[in-house]
Amino acid sequence: MQYRQLGSSGPRVSAIGFGAWALGGQWGGQDDLESKSALREAIAEGINFIDTAAGYGDGRSERLIAEVLQEIPPSKRPFVATKTPPDEGPWPPSPVCRWEDRYSAASLRKNVEERLRILRAERLDLLQLHTWTRAWNDDPQPLLVLRRLREEGKIGLIGISTPEQDQNCVIDLMRAGLVDCVQVIFNLFHQEPLAQLFPVAVETGTGVIVRVPLDEGALTGKYRATHRFPENDFRSRYFAGDRMERTAQRLGAIRADMERLGLDATSSLTDLALRFTLAPAAVSTVIVGMRSAEQVRENAATCESPPLTRETLMILARHNWLRGVWYGGK
């Protein structure tokens, strides 16, 4: 396993992190025993960064993580990043939403106490606001509340998980030193962070956590154009309309490039996609959803692959896909 610095304020973390959303049950049926097995395998493989959230099964993901971590001496426990959601309202927050209605001090304090209780922790390693809006950048009071909670010893690092529709809204906050880490979408289809967000992260010493590196599973190449996810799997909405069909067409173009570059014999599509996300110097860790011990081993093995060459990265850059987020047919 390779390790990287989590910004200027954080510890060294594994380049491949454990994404624990599926443990909450929103990716279709998930057995808790298998989830725990996957977590144990991840720790055995040297993965020391786990990402979860309050909203992943209404605390179910966090509870399973806490149960497994109780088996490990405190000095050897992985770094756990969790997230607190805004109070009820549109997601992501609308430009007319007031921070007082979505992330009030009382609400944040209550949620932090709940995260501490469920994770059985005295301090949260990293607390991320689960979404944000640029409308609050000039008066970022929720982040100042988190600062006070950090001063009280309840939080280690402070971060924001970017809204899909406006990831660059965090750039001003990074430059102002208001966040230690940002969690962003970056993959072969979504390359916008390369333009400004990643350079600013390097400039400011902000840790970067990459999410959705496999485009919610599409970049594994496992799903045909006709595939349909069950209703209890959130991907039934993500791949609504004709998105799966168009995704399959684009995967064909990626595979053609792999063959032309001579990568098809040495790298799986999943391996290529993860190596692409690991390439920027700004990236601290790439969190991959892992539901079984087998998936853990497959994803951890990416760290044994050589970095992609600049030539290869330039060719793969053509697969950037300007599409609407969450909307089928766009």
Protein backbone atom coordinates (compact mmCIF):
# COMPACT_ATOMS: atom_id res chain seq x y z
CA MET A 1 0.00 0.00 0.00
CA GLN A 2 1.17 3.52 -0.79
CA TYR A 3 0.65 6.39 1.65
CA ARG A 4 0.22 10.10 1.07
CA GLN A 5 -0.06 13.22 3.21
CA LEU A 6 -3.64 14.36 3.88
CA GLY A 7 -2.94 18.04 3.27
CA SER A 8 -0.64 20.05 5.50
CA SER A 9 -2.68 19.34 8.65
CA GLY A 10 -3.49 15.66 8.38
CA PRO A 11 -1.72 12.33 8.80
CA ARG A 12 -0.33 10.04 6.13
CA VAL A 13 -3.17 7.98 4.72
CA SER A 14 -3.45 5.10 2.29
CA ALA A 15 -3.69 6.10 -1.35
CA ILE A 16 -6.70 3.80 -1.64
CA GLY A 17 -9.36 4.52 0.96
CA PHE A 18 -12.41 2.51 2.02
CA GLY A 19 -15.70 4.04 0.86
CA ALA A 20 -18.40 2.82 3.26
CA TRP A 21 -21.61 4.09 1.66
CA ALA A 22 -22.72 0.63 0.51
CA LEU A 23 -22.45 -0.63 4.10
CA GLY A 24 -25.49 1.51 4.86
CA GLY A 25 -27.64 -0.52 2.47
CA GLN A 26 -28.45 2.03 -0.25
CA TRP A 27 -26.61 0.07 -2.95
CA GLY A 28 -29.05 -2.81 -2.78
CA GLY A 29 -28.99 -5.60 -0.22
CA GLN A 30 -25.86 -5.72 1.94
CA ASP A 31 -25.10 -8.25 4.66
CA ASP A 32 -23.54 -6.80 7.82
CA LEU A 33 -21.25 -9.79 8.29
CA GLU A 34 -19.87 -9.35 4.77
CA SER A 35 -19.43 -5.64 5.43
CA LYS A 36 -17.38 -6.36 8.54
CA SER A 37 -15.32 -8.90 6.63
CA ALA A 38 -14.56 -6.28 3.99
CA LEU A 39 -13.52 -3.77 6.64
CA ARG A 40 -11.21 -6.26 8.33
CA GLU A 41 -9.65 -7.19 4.99
CA ALA A 42 -9.11 -3.51 4.18
CA ILE A 43 -7.26 -2.95 7.43
CA ALA A 44 -5.18 -6.07 6.82
CA GLU A 45 -4.27 -4.73 3.36
CA GLY A 46 -2.95 -1.53 4.93
CA ILE A 47 -5.92 0.71 4.14
CA ASN A 48 -6.03 3.23 6.96
CA PHE A 49 -8.59 5.74 5.66
CA ILE A 50 -12.34 5.05 5.94
CA ASP A 51 -15.01 7.42 4.67
CA THR A 52 -18.59 7.27 5.92
CA ALA A 53 -21.51 9.57 6.72
CA ALA A 54 -24.51 10.01 8.96
CA GLY A 55 -26.76 9.48 5.96
CA TYR A 56 -25.33 6.10 4.99
CA GLY A 57 -28.16 3.97 6.31
CA ASP A 58 -29.07 6.43 9.07
CA GLY A 59 -25.88 5.61 10.97
CA ARG A 60 -25.73 1.93 9.98
CA SER A 61 -22.41 2.33 8.16
CA GLU A 62 -20.89 4.18 11.13
CA ARG A 63 -22.10 1.53 13.59
CA LEU A 64 -20.48 -1.28 11.64
CA ILE A 65 -17.23 0.65 11.42
CA ALA A 66 -17.30 1.28 15.17
CA GLU A 67 -17.86 -2.41 15.90
CA VAL A 68 -14.86 -3.46 13.80
CA LEU A 69 -12.61 -0.73 15.20
CA GLN A 70 -13.30 -1.94 18.74
CA GLU A 71 -11.26 -5.02 17.81
CA ILE A 72 -8.17 -2.91 17.08
CA PRO A 73 -5.81 -1.19 19.56
CA PRO A 74 -6.45 2.59 19.54
CA SER A 75 -2.91 3.31 18.30
CA LYS A 76 -3.49 1.20 15.17
CA ARG A 77 -7.01 2.26 14.27
CA PRO A 78 -7.63 3.72 10.80
CA PHE A 79 -8.44 7.39 10.25
CA VAL A 80 -12.23 7.76 9.96
CA ALA A 81 -13.85 10.60 8.04
CA THR A 82 -17.57 11.12 8.50
CA LYS A 83 -20.10 13.72 7.35
CA THR A 84 -22.97 15.67 8.83
CA PRO A 85 -25.97 16.48 6.61
CA PRO A 86 -27.78 19.81 6.45
CA ASP A 87 -31.22 20.13 7.99
CA GLU A 88 -34.22 19.43 5.77
CA GLY A 89 -34.33 21.24 2.45
CA PRO A 90 -33.14 20.95 -1.17
CA TRP A 91 -29.99 18.96 -1.98
CA PRO A 92 -27.66 20.56 -2.73
CA PRO A 93 -28.73 23.70 -0.86
CA SER A 94 -30.37 26.31 -3.07
CA PRO A 95 -28.68 29.73 -3.44
CA VAL A 96 -31.60 31.18 -1.46
CA CYS A 97 -31.14 28.76 1.45
CA ARG A 98 -29.95 30.41 4.65
CA TRP A 99 -27.15 28.67 6.51
CA GLU A 100 -29.09 29.31 9.72
CA ASP A 101 -31.83 26.97 8.46
CA ARG A 102 -29.54 24.25 7.16
CA TYR A 103 -26.41 24.18 9.37
CA SER A 104 -27.29 26.07 12.54
CA ALA A 105 -24.88 25.92 15.47
CA ALA A 106 -27.37 23.93 17.54
CA SER A 107 -27.95 21.44 14.73
CA LEU A 108 -24.23 20.97 14.08
CA ARG A 109 -23.49 20.45 17.76
CA LYS A 110 -26.28 17.92 18.12
CA ASN A 111 -25.12 16.01 15.05
CA VAL A 112 -21.48 15.98 16.15
CA GLU A 113 -22.52 14.49 19.49
CA GLU A 114 -24.49 11.82 17.63
CA ARG A 115 -21.50 11.01 15.39
CA LEU A 116 -19.27 10.68 18.45
CA ARG A 117 -21.76 8.37 20.13
CA ILE A 118 -22.34 6.10 17.14
CA LEU A 119 -18.64 5.90 16.24
CA ARG A 120 -17.77 5.37 19.93
CA ALA A 121 -15.12 8.07 19.65
CA GLU A 122 -13.90 10.85 21.88
CA ARG A 123 -12.99 12.95 18.85
CA LEU A 124 -13.93 12.79 15.16
CA ASP A 125 -10.83 12.46 13.00
CA LEU A 126 -12.42 14.46 10.18
CA LEU A 127 -15.90 15.95 10.00
CA GLN A 128 -17.12 17.03 6.59
CA LEU A 129 -20.21 19.06 5.84
CA HIS A 130 -21.97 16.72 3.42
CA THR A 131 -22.84 19.49 0.97
CA TRP A 132 -22.52 23.26 0.56
CA THR A 133 -23.59 26.23 -1.54
CA ARG A 134 -21.49 29.08 -2.88
CA ALA A 135 -24.15 31.43 -1.43
CA TRP A 136 -22.60 30.94 2.03
CA ASN A 137 -18.99 31.68 1.06
CA ASP A 138 -19.12 35.31 2.21
CA ASP A 139 -20.55 34.33 5.60
CA PRO A 140 -19.33 30.77 6.23
CA GLN A 141 -20.63 30.55 9.78
CA PRO A 142 -21.09 26.73 9.79
CA LEU A 143 -17.34 26.33 9.29
CA LEU A 144 -16.67 28.72 12.17
CA VAL A 145 -18.93 26.57 14.36
CA LEU A 146 -16.81 23.56 13.41
CA ARG A 147 -13.70 25.53 14.38
CA ARG A 148 -15.14 26.07 17.84
CA LEU A 149 -15.93 22.37 18.09
CA ARG A 150 -12.34 21.64 17.13
CA GLU A 151 -11.10 23.98 19.86
CA GLU A 152 -13.27 21.99 22.28
CA GLY A 153 -11.52 18.79 21.20
CA LYS A 154 -14.48 17.17 19.47
CA ILE A 155 -13.18 17.43 15.90
CA GLY A 156 -9.76 16.94 14.37
CA LEU A 157 -9.90 18.12 10.75
CA ILE A 158 -12.64 20.13 9.03
CA GLY A 159 -13.81 19.48 5.48
CA ILE A 160 -16.54 19.84 2.89
CA SER A 161 -17.86 17.23 0.50
CA THR A 162 -18.51 19.30 -2.60
CA PRO A 163 -21.92 19.62 -4.26
CA GLU A 164 -21.79 17.80 -7.58
CA GLN A 165 -23.17 20.77 -9.51
CA ASP A 166 -20.61 23.32 -8.24
CA GLN A 167 -17.46 21.65 -6.95
CA ASN A 168 -15.43 24.83 -7.42
CA CYS A 169 -17.50 26.59 -4.74
CA VAL A 170 -14.91 25.45 -2.19
CA ILE A 171 -11.94 27.18 -3.84
CA ASP A 172 -12.45 30.48 -1.99
CA LEU A 173 -12.79 28.53 1.28
CA MET A 174 -9.54 26.69 0.58
CA ARG A 175 -7.71 29.96 -0.05
CA ALA A 176 -9.17 31.44 3.14
CA GLY A 177 -7.85 28.49 5.17
CA LEU A 178 -11.33 27.51 6.35
CA VAL A 179 -11.10 23.84 5.38
CA ASP A 180 -8.38 21.26 5.95
CA CYS A 181 -9.77 18.84 3.34
CA VAL A 182 -12.20 18.76 0.45
CA GLN A 183 -13.91 15.71 -0.96
CA VAL A 184 -14.50 15.94 -4.71
CA ILE A 185 -15.72 13.90 -7.67
CA PHE A 186 -12.89 13.05 -10.06
CA ASN A 187 -12.73 10.24 -12.58
CA LEU A 188 -12.18 9.50 -16.27
CA PHE A 189 -15.58 11.02 -17.09
CA HIS A 190 -15.40 13.97 -14.67
CA GLN A 191 -12.07 15.81 -14.94
CA GLU A 192 -13.03 19.39 -14.01
CA PRO A 193 -10.95 19.46 -10.77
CA LEU A 194 -7.79 19.38 -12.91
CA ALA A 195 -8.52 22.91 -14.15
CA GLN A 196 -8.34 24.87 -10.88
CA LEU A 197 -9.36 22.94 -7.78
CA PHE A 198 -6.34 20.62 -7.70
CA PRO A 199 -3.78 23.40 -8.32
CA VAL A 200 -5.34 25.47 -5.53
CA ALA A 201 -5.22 22.47 -3.20
CA VAL A 202 -1.47 22.18 -3.79
CA GLU A 203 -1.07 25.94 -3.34
CA THR A 204 -2.97 25.97 -0.03
CA GLY A 205 -1.95 22.60 1.42
CA THR A 206 -5.55 21.36 1.39
CA GLY A 207 -6.08 17.61 1.52
CA VAL A 208 -8.02 16.15 -1.41
CA ILE A 209 -10.24 13.09 -1.02
CA VAL A 210 -11.44 11.77 -4.37
CA ARG A 211 -14.88 10.15 -4.46
CA VAL A 212 -16.76 8.35 -7.26
CA PRO A 213 -13.50 7.22 -8.94
CA LEU A 214 -15.37 4.44 -10.75
CA ASP A 215 -18.43 6.54 -11.67
CA GLU A 216 -20.68 4.60 -9.28
CA GLY A 217 -19.43 1.29 -10.67
CA ALA A 218 -19.69 2.08 -14.39
CA LEU A 219 -15.91 2.28 -14.84
CA THR A 220 -15.50 -1.30 -13.65
CA GLY A 221 -16.97 -2.34 -16.99
CA LYS A 222 -19.29 -4.85 -15.31
CA TYR A 223 -22.57 -3.43 -16.60
CA ARG A 224 -24.01 -3.75 -20.10
CA ALA A 225 -25.93 -1.01 -21.88
CA THR A 226 -29.22 -2.74 -20.96
CA HIS A 227 -28.45 -3.13 -17.25
CA ARG A 228 -31.04 -1.88 -14.79
CA PHE A 229 -30.46 -1.52 -11.05
CA PRO A 230 -33.16 -2.46 -8.51
CA GLU A 231 -35.22 0.31 -6.96
CA ASN A 232 -33.46 -0.04 -3.57
CA ASP A 233 -30.14 0.79 -5.24
CA PHE A 234 -29.59 4.55 -5.64
CA ARG A 235 -27.91 3.88 -8.98
CA SER A 236 -31.34 3.23 -10.47
CA ARG A 237 -31.67 7.03 -10.33
CA TYR A 238 -28.08 7.87 -11.18
CA PHE A 239 -28.29 5.83 -14.39
CA ALA A 240 -31.84 6.89 -15.24
CA GLY A 241 -32.97 7.41 -18.81
CA ASP A 242 -30.42 6.39 -21.42
CA ARG A 243 -27.34 7.12 -19.31
CA MET A 244 -26.29 3.48 -18.98
CA GLU A 245 -26.50 3.00 -22.74
CA ARG A 246 -24.39 6.09 -23.41
CA THR A 247 -21.98 5.10 -20.65
CA ALA A 248 -21.43 1.73 -22.32
CA GLN A 249 -20.59 3.49 -25.59
CA ARG A 250 -17.97 5.62 -23.86
CA LEU A 251 -16.50 2.58 -22.12
CA GLY A 252 -15.98 1.11 -25.56
CA ALA A 253 -13.91 4.15 -26.52
CA ILE A 254 -11.80 3.81 -23.36
CA ARG A 255 -11.17 0.14 -24.07
CA ALA A 256 -10.08 1.04 -27.61
CA ASP A 257 -7.53 3.46 -26.18
CA MET A 258 -6.31 0.82 -23.74
CA GLU A 259 -5.73 -1.56 -26.62
CA ARG A 260 -3.94 1.11 -28.65
CA LEU A 261 -1.70 1.92 -25.69
CA GLY A 262 -0.99 -1.76 -25.00
CA LEU A 263 -2.66 -1.56 -21.59
CA ASP A 264 -5.43 -4.08 -22.17
CA ALA A 265 -3.15 -7.03 -21.43
CA THR A 266 -1.70 -5.58 -18.22
CA SER A 267 -4.49 -3.53 -16.66
CA SER A 268 -8.20 -4.00 -16.01
CA LEU A 269 -10.59 -1.13 -16.67
CA THR A 270 -11.00 -0.71 -12.89
CA ASP A 271 -7.24 -0.57 -12.40
CA LEU A 272 -6.86 2.02 -15.17
CA ALA A 273 -9.65 4.18 -13.75
CA LEU A 274 -8.10 4.15 -10.27
CA ARG A 275 -4.60 4.86 -11.56
CA PHE A 276 -6.02 7.85 -13.45
CA THR A 277 -7.50 9.30 -10.26
CA LEU A 278 -4.28 8.71 -8.32
CA ALA A 279 -2.16 10.57 -10.87
CA PRO A 280 -2.57 14.23 -9.75
CA ALA A 281 -0.13 15.34 -7.07
CA ALA A 282 -2.97 17.07 -5.22
CA VAL A 283 -4.81 13.81 -4.50
CA SER A 284 -4.34 12.50 -0.97
CA THR A 285 -6.56 9.42 -1.14
CA VAL A 286 -9.10 7.85 -3.49
CA ILE A 287 -12.08 6.30 -1.72
CA VAL A 288 -13.50 3.25 -3.45
CA GLY A 289 -16.76 1.59 -2.48
CA MET A 290 -15.94 -1.92 -1.25
CA ARG A 291 -18.62 -4.42 -0.32
CA SER A 292 -16.59 -7.62 0.06
CA ALA A 293 -13.11 -8.82 0.97
CA GLU A 294 -12.58 -9.78 -2.68
CA GLN A 295 -13.29 -6.23 -3.84
CA VAL A 296 -10.90 -4.91 -1.20
CA ARG A 297 -8.05 -7.07 -2.49
CA GLU A 298 -8.73 -6.10 -6.10
CA ASN A 299 -8.75 -2.38 -5.37
CA ALA A 300 -5.78 -2.43 -3.01
CA ALA A 301 -3.73 -4.14 -5.73
CA THR A 302 -3.88 -0.94 -7.80
CA CYS A 303 -1.10 0.48 -5.66
CA GLU A 304 1.19 -2.21 -7.09
CA SER A 305 0.65 -0.91 -10.64
CA PRO A 306 3.07 1.68 -12.07
CA PRO A 307 1.88 5.28 -12.46
CA LEU A 308 0.36 6.17 -15.81
CA THR A 309 2.70 8.05 -18.14
CA ARG A 310 2.04 11.66 -19.12
CA GLU A 311 1.35 10.47 -22.67
CA THR A 312 -1.29 8.03 -21.45
CA LEU A 313 -2.91 10.65 -19.22
CA MET A 314 -3.13 13.10 -22.12
CA ILE A 315 -4.85 10.47 -24.28
CA LEU A 316 -7.27 9.54 -21.49
CA ALA A 317 -8.14 13.22 -21.01
CA ARG A 318 -10.32 13.03 -24.11
CA HIS A 319 -12.85 10.93 -22.19
CA ASN A 320 -13.97 13.92 -20.11
CA TRP A 321 -17.78 13.93 -20.34
CA LEU A 322 -19.73 17.16 -19.92
CA ARG A 323 -23.06 15.83 -18.70
CA GLY A 324 -25.77 16.81 -16.28
CA VAL A 325 -25.50 15.41 -12.77
CA TRP A 326 -28.19 12.91 -11.75
CA TYR A 327 -30.36 13.65 -14.79
CA GLY A 328 -31.06 10.82 -17.22
CA GLY A 329 -30.85 11.80 -20.88
CA LYS A 330 -28.32 14.60 -20.39
